[in-house]
Amino acid sequence: MKNKSKILPYLLVSPYIIHFLLFVAFPVVFSIVLTFHEWNI
């Protein structure tokens, strides 16, 4: 029972963290990475 109570908050927060990473953190980091590429247009 004690182990389950330790993991429950992480299970409740994990969907929000996953959505934040997918829709906020990853696009920001990816756009920063793309700014350092040299594009031949």
PDB file of N, CA and C in Angstrom:
ATOM      1  N   MET A   1       0.825  -1.201   0.000  1.00  0.00           N
ATOM      2  CA  MET A   1       0.000   0.000   0.000  1.00  0.00           C
ATOM      3  C   MET A   1       0.862   1.254   0.000  1.00  0.00           C
ATOM      4  N   LYS A   2       1.973   1.188   0.728  1.00  0.00           N
ATOM      5  CA  LYS A   2       2.836   2.367   0.809  1.00  0.00           C
ATOM      6  C   LYS A   2       3.471   2.690  -0.544  1.00  0.00           C
ATOM      7  N   ASN A   3       3.868   1.663  -1.291  1.00  0.00           N
ATOM      8  CA  ASN A   3       4.457   1.879  -2.611  1.00  0.00           C
ATOM      9  C   ASN A   3       3.455   2.488  -3.577  1.00  0.00           C
ATOM     10  N   LYS A   4       2.215   2.045  -3.503  1.00  0.00           N
ATOM     11  CA  LYS A   4       1.184   2.546  -4.410  1.00  0.00           C
ATOM     12  C   LYS A   4       0.898   4.017  -4.151  1.00  0.00           C
ATOM     13  N   SER A   5       0.947   4.435  -2.912  1.00  0.00           N
ATOM     14  CA  SER A   5       0.668   5.838  -2.601  1.00  0.00           C
ATOM     15  C   SER A   5       1.799   6.748  -3.064  1.00  0.00           C
ATOM     16  N   LYS A   6       2.997   6.210  -3.222  1.00  0.00           N
ATOM     17  CA  LYS A   6       4.115   7.019  -3.715  1.00  0.00           C
ATOM     18  C   LYS A   6       4.033   7.237  -5.221  1.00  0.00           C
ATOM     19  N   ILE A   7       3.492   6.277  -5.944  1.00  0.00           N
ATOM     20  CA  ILE A   7       3.462   6.369  -7.405  1.00  0.00           C
ATOM     21  C   ILE A   7       2.199   7.064  -7.913  1.00  0.00           C
ATOM     22  N   LEU A   8       1.166   7.139  -7.115  1.00  0.00           N
ATOM     23  CA  LEU A   8      -0.097   7.728  -7.551  1.00  0.00           C
ATOM     24  C   LEU A   8       0.034   9.173  -8.018  1.00  0.00           C
ATOM     25  N   PRO A   9       0.731  10.056  -7.307  1.00  0.00           N
ATOM     26  CA  PRO A   9       0.858  11.433  -7.822  1.00  0.00           C
ATOM     27  C   PRO A   9       1.535  11.501  -9.186  1.00  0.00           C
ATOM     28  N   TYR A  10       2.530  10.656  -9.416  1.00  0.00           N
ATOM     29  CA  TYR A  10       3.210  10.641 -10.712  1.00  0.00           C
ATOM     30  C   TYR A  10       2.274  10.149 -11.815  1.00  0.00           C
ATOM     31  N   LEU A  11       1.426   9.197 -11.500  1.00  0.00           N
ATOM     32  CA  LEU A  11       0.464   8.716 -12.495  1.00  0.00           C
ATOM     33  C   LEU A  11      -0.561   9.784 -12.836  1.00  0.00           C
ATOM     34  N   LEU A  12      -0.945  10.579 -11.865  1.00  0.00           N
ATOM     35  CA  LEU A  12      -1.930  11.624 -12.113  1.00  0.00           C
ATOM     36  C   LEU A  12      -1.339  12.793 -12.896  1.00  0.00           C
ATOM     37  N   VAL A  13      -0.070  13.076 -12.709  1.00  0.00           N
ATOM     38  CA  VAL A  13       0.570  14.216 -13.362  1.00  0.00           C
ATOM     39  C   VAL A  13       1.149  13.837 -14.723  1.00  0.00           C
ATOM     40  N   SER A  14       1.414  12.575 -14.949  1.00  0.00           N
ATOM     41  CA  SER A  14       2.099  12.151 -16.173  1.00  0.00           C
ATOM     42  C   SER A  14       1.390  12.553 -17.468  1.00  0.00           C
ATOM     43  N   PRO A  15       0.066  12.516 -17.591  1.00  0.00           N
ATOM     44  CA  PRO A  15      -0.538  12.972 -18.854  1.00  0.00           C
ATOM     45  C   PRO A  15      -0.254  14.437 -19.149  1.00  0.00           C
ATOM     46  N   TYR A  16      -0.250  15.267 -18.123  1.00  0.00           N
ATOM     47  CA  TYR A  16       0.028  16.690 -18.324  1.00  0.00           C
ATOM     48  C   TYR A  16       1.481  16.912 -18.728  1.00  0.00           C
ATOM     49  N   ILE A  17       2.383  16.152 -18.142  1.00  0.00           N
ATOM     50  CA  ILE A  17       3.800  16.273 -18.499  1.00  0.00           C
ATOM     51  C   ILE A  17       4.023  15.808 -19.938  1.00  0.00           C
ATOM     52  N   ILE A  18       3.377  14.716 -20.321  1.00  0.00           N
ATOM     53  CA  ILE A  18       3.527  14.206 -21.686  1.00  0.00           C
ATOM     54  C   ILE A  18       2.991  15.209 -22.703  1.00  0.00           C
ATOM     55  N   HIS A  19       1.829  15.791 -22.431  1.00  0.00           N
ATOM     56  CA  HIS A  19       1.277  16.790 -23.345  1.00  0.00           C
ATOM     57  C   HIS A  19       2.147  18.042 -23.404  1.00  0.00           C
ATOM     58  N   PHE A  20       2.685  18.452 -22.270  1.00  0.00           N
ATOM     59  CA  PHE A  20       3.575  19.614 -22.261  1.00  0.00           C
ATOM     60  C   PHE A  20       4.808  19.346 -23.104  1.00  0.00           C
ATOM     61  N   LEU A  21       5.399  18.172 -22.951  1.00  0.00           N
ATOM     62  CA  LEU A  21       6.595  17.846 -23.720  1.00  0.00           C
ATOM     63  C   LEU A  21       6.293  17.763 -25.213  1.00  0.00           C
ATOM     64  N   LEU A  22       5.162  17.167 -25.567  1.00  0.00           N
ATOM     65  CA  LEU A  22       4.835  16.996 -26.983  1.00  0.00           C
ATOM     66  C   LEU A  22       4.467  18.297 -27.674  1.00  0.00           C
ATOM     67  N   PHE A  23       3.722  19.146 -27.004  1.00  0.00           N
ATOM     68  CA  PHE A  23       3.155  20.312 -27.674  1.00  0.00           C
ATOM     69  C   PHE A  23       3.822  21.631 -27.321  1.00  0.00           C
ATOM     70  N   VAL A  24       4.722  21.648 -26.343  1.00  0.00           N
ATOM     71  CA  VAL A  24       5.404  22.894 -25.973  1.00  0.00           C
ATOM     72  C   VAL A  24       6.915  22.719 -26.037  1.00  0.00           C
ATOM     73  N   ALA A  25       7.453  21.821 -25.242  1.00  0.00           N
ATOM     74  CA  ALA A  25       8.906  21.700 -25.118  1.00  0.00           C
ATOM     75  C   ALA A  25       9.550  21.212 -26.414  1.00  0.00           C
ATOM     76  N   PHE A  26       9.014  20.163 -27.018  1.00  0.00           N
ATOM     77  CA  PHE A  26       9.620  19.641 -28.240  1.00  0.00           C
ATOM     78  C   PHE A  26       9.594  20.649 -29.385  1.00  0.00           C
ATOM     79  N   PRO A  27       8.481  21.321 -29.667  1.00  0.00           N
ATOM     80  CA  PRO A  27       8.510  22.316 -30.751  1.00  0.00           C
ATOM     81  C   PRO A  27       9.472  23.471 -30.493  1.00  0.00           C
ATOM     82  N   VAL A  28       9.585  23.910 -29.257  1.00  0.00           N
ATOM     83  CA  VAL A  28      10.509  25.008 -28.950  1.00  0.00           C
ATOM     84  C   VAL A  28      11.944  24.561 -29.180  1.00  0.00           C
ATOM     85  N   VAL A  29      12.308  23.399 -28.670  1.00  0.00           N
ATOM     86  CA  VAL A  29      13.677  22.895 -28.849  1.00  0.00           C
ATOM     87  C   VAL A  29      13.948  22.627 -30.326  1.00  0.00           C
ATOM     88  N   PHE A  30      12.980  22.070 -31.034  1.00  0.00           N
ATOM     89  CA  PHE A  30      13.170  21.775 -32.452  1.00  0.00           C
ATOM     90  C   PHE A  30      13.342  23.049 -33.269  1.00  0.00           C
ATOM     91  N   SER A  31      12.599  24.082 -32.949  1.00  0.00           N
ATOM     92  CA  SER A  31      12.752  25.343 -33.683  1.00  0.00           C
ATOM     93  C   SER A  31      14.100  25.990 -33.394  1.00  0.00           C
ATOM     94  N   ILE A  32      14.597  25.855 -32.181  1.00  0.00           N
ATOM     95  CA  ILE A  32      15.928  26.379 -31.866  1.00  0.00           C
ATOM     96  C   ILE A  32      16.988  25.613 -32.649  1.00  0.00           C
ATOM     97  N   VAL A  33      16.841  24.300 -32.743  1.00  0.00           N
ATOM     98  CA  VAL A  33      17.788  23.485 -33.512  1.00  0.00           C
ATOM     99  C   VAL A  33      17.736  23.866 -34.987  1.00  0.00           C
ATOM    100  N   LEU A  34      16.550  24.104 -35.519  1.00  0.00           N
ATOM    101  CA  LEU A  34      16.424  24.451 -36.937  1.00  0.00           C
ATOM    102  C   LEU A  34      17.045  25.803 -37.265  1.00  0.00           C
ATOM    103  N   THR A  35      17.117  26.709 -36.303  1.00  0.00           N
ATOM    104  CA  THR A  35      17.704  28.015 -36.592  1.00  0.00           C
ATOM    105  C   THR A  35      19.205  27.924 -36.852  1.00  0.00           C
ATOM    106  N   PHE A  36      19.840  26.859 -36.392  1.00  0.00           N
ATOM    107  CA  PHE A  36      21.278  26.719 -36.587  1.00  0.00           C
ATOM    108  C   PHE A  36      21.636  25.957 -37.858  1.00  0.00           C
ATOM    109  N   HIS A  37      20.644  25.524 -38.616  1.00  0.00           N
ATOM    110  CA  HIS A  37      20.899  24.852 -39.883  1.00  0.00           C
ATOM    111  C   HIS A  37      20.967  25.878 -41.002  1.00  0.00           C
ATOM    112  N   GLU A  38      21.843  25.603 -41.948  1.00  0.00           N
ATOM    113  CA  GLU A  38      21.966  26.489 -43.106  1.00  0.00           C
ATOM    114  C   GLU A  38      21.136  25.905 -44.241  1.00  0.00           C
ATOM    115  N   TRP A  39      20.165  26.678 -44.693  1.00  0.00           N
ATOM    116  CA  TRP A  39      19.257  26.217 -45.729  1.00  0.00           C
ATOM    117  C   TRP A  39      19.661  26.810 -47.076  1.00  0.00           C
ATOM    118  N   ASN A  40      19.758  25.959 -48.082  1.00  0.00           N
ATOM    119  CA  ASN A  40      20.008  26.408 -49.453  1.00  0.00           C
ATOM    120  C   ASN A  40      18.677  26.483 -50.181  1.00  0.00           C
ATOM    121  N   ILE A  41      18.230  27.696 -50.380  1.00  0.00           N
ATOM    122  CA  ILE A  41      16.919  27.883 -51.016  1.00  0.00           C
ATOM    123  C   ILE A  41      17.114  28.230 -52.484  1.00  0.00           C
TER     124      ILE A  41
END
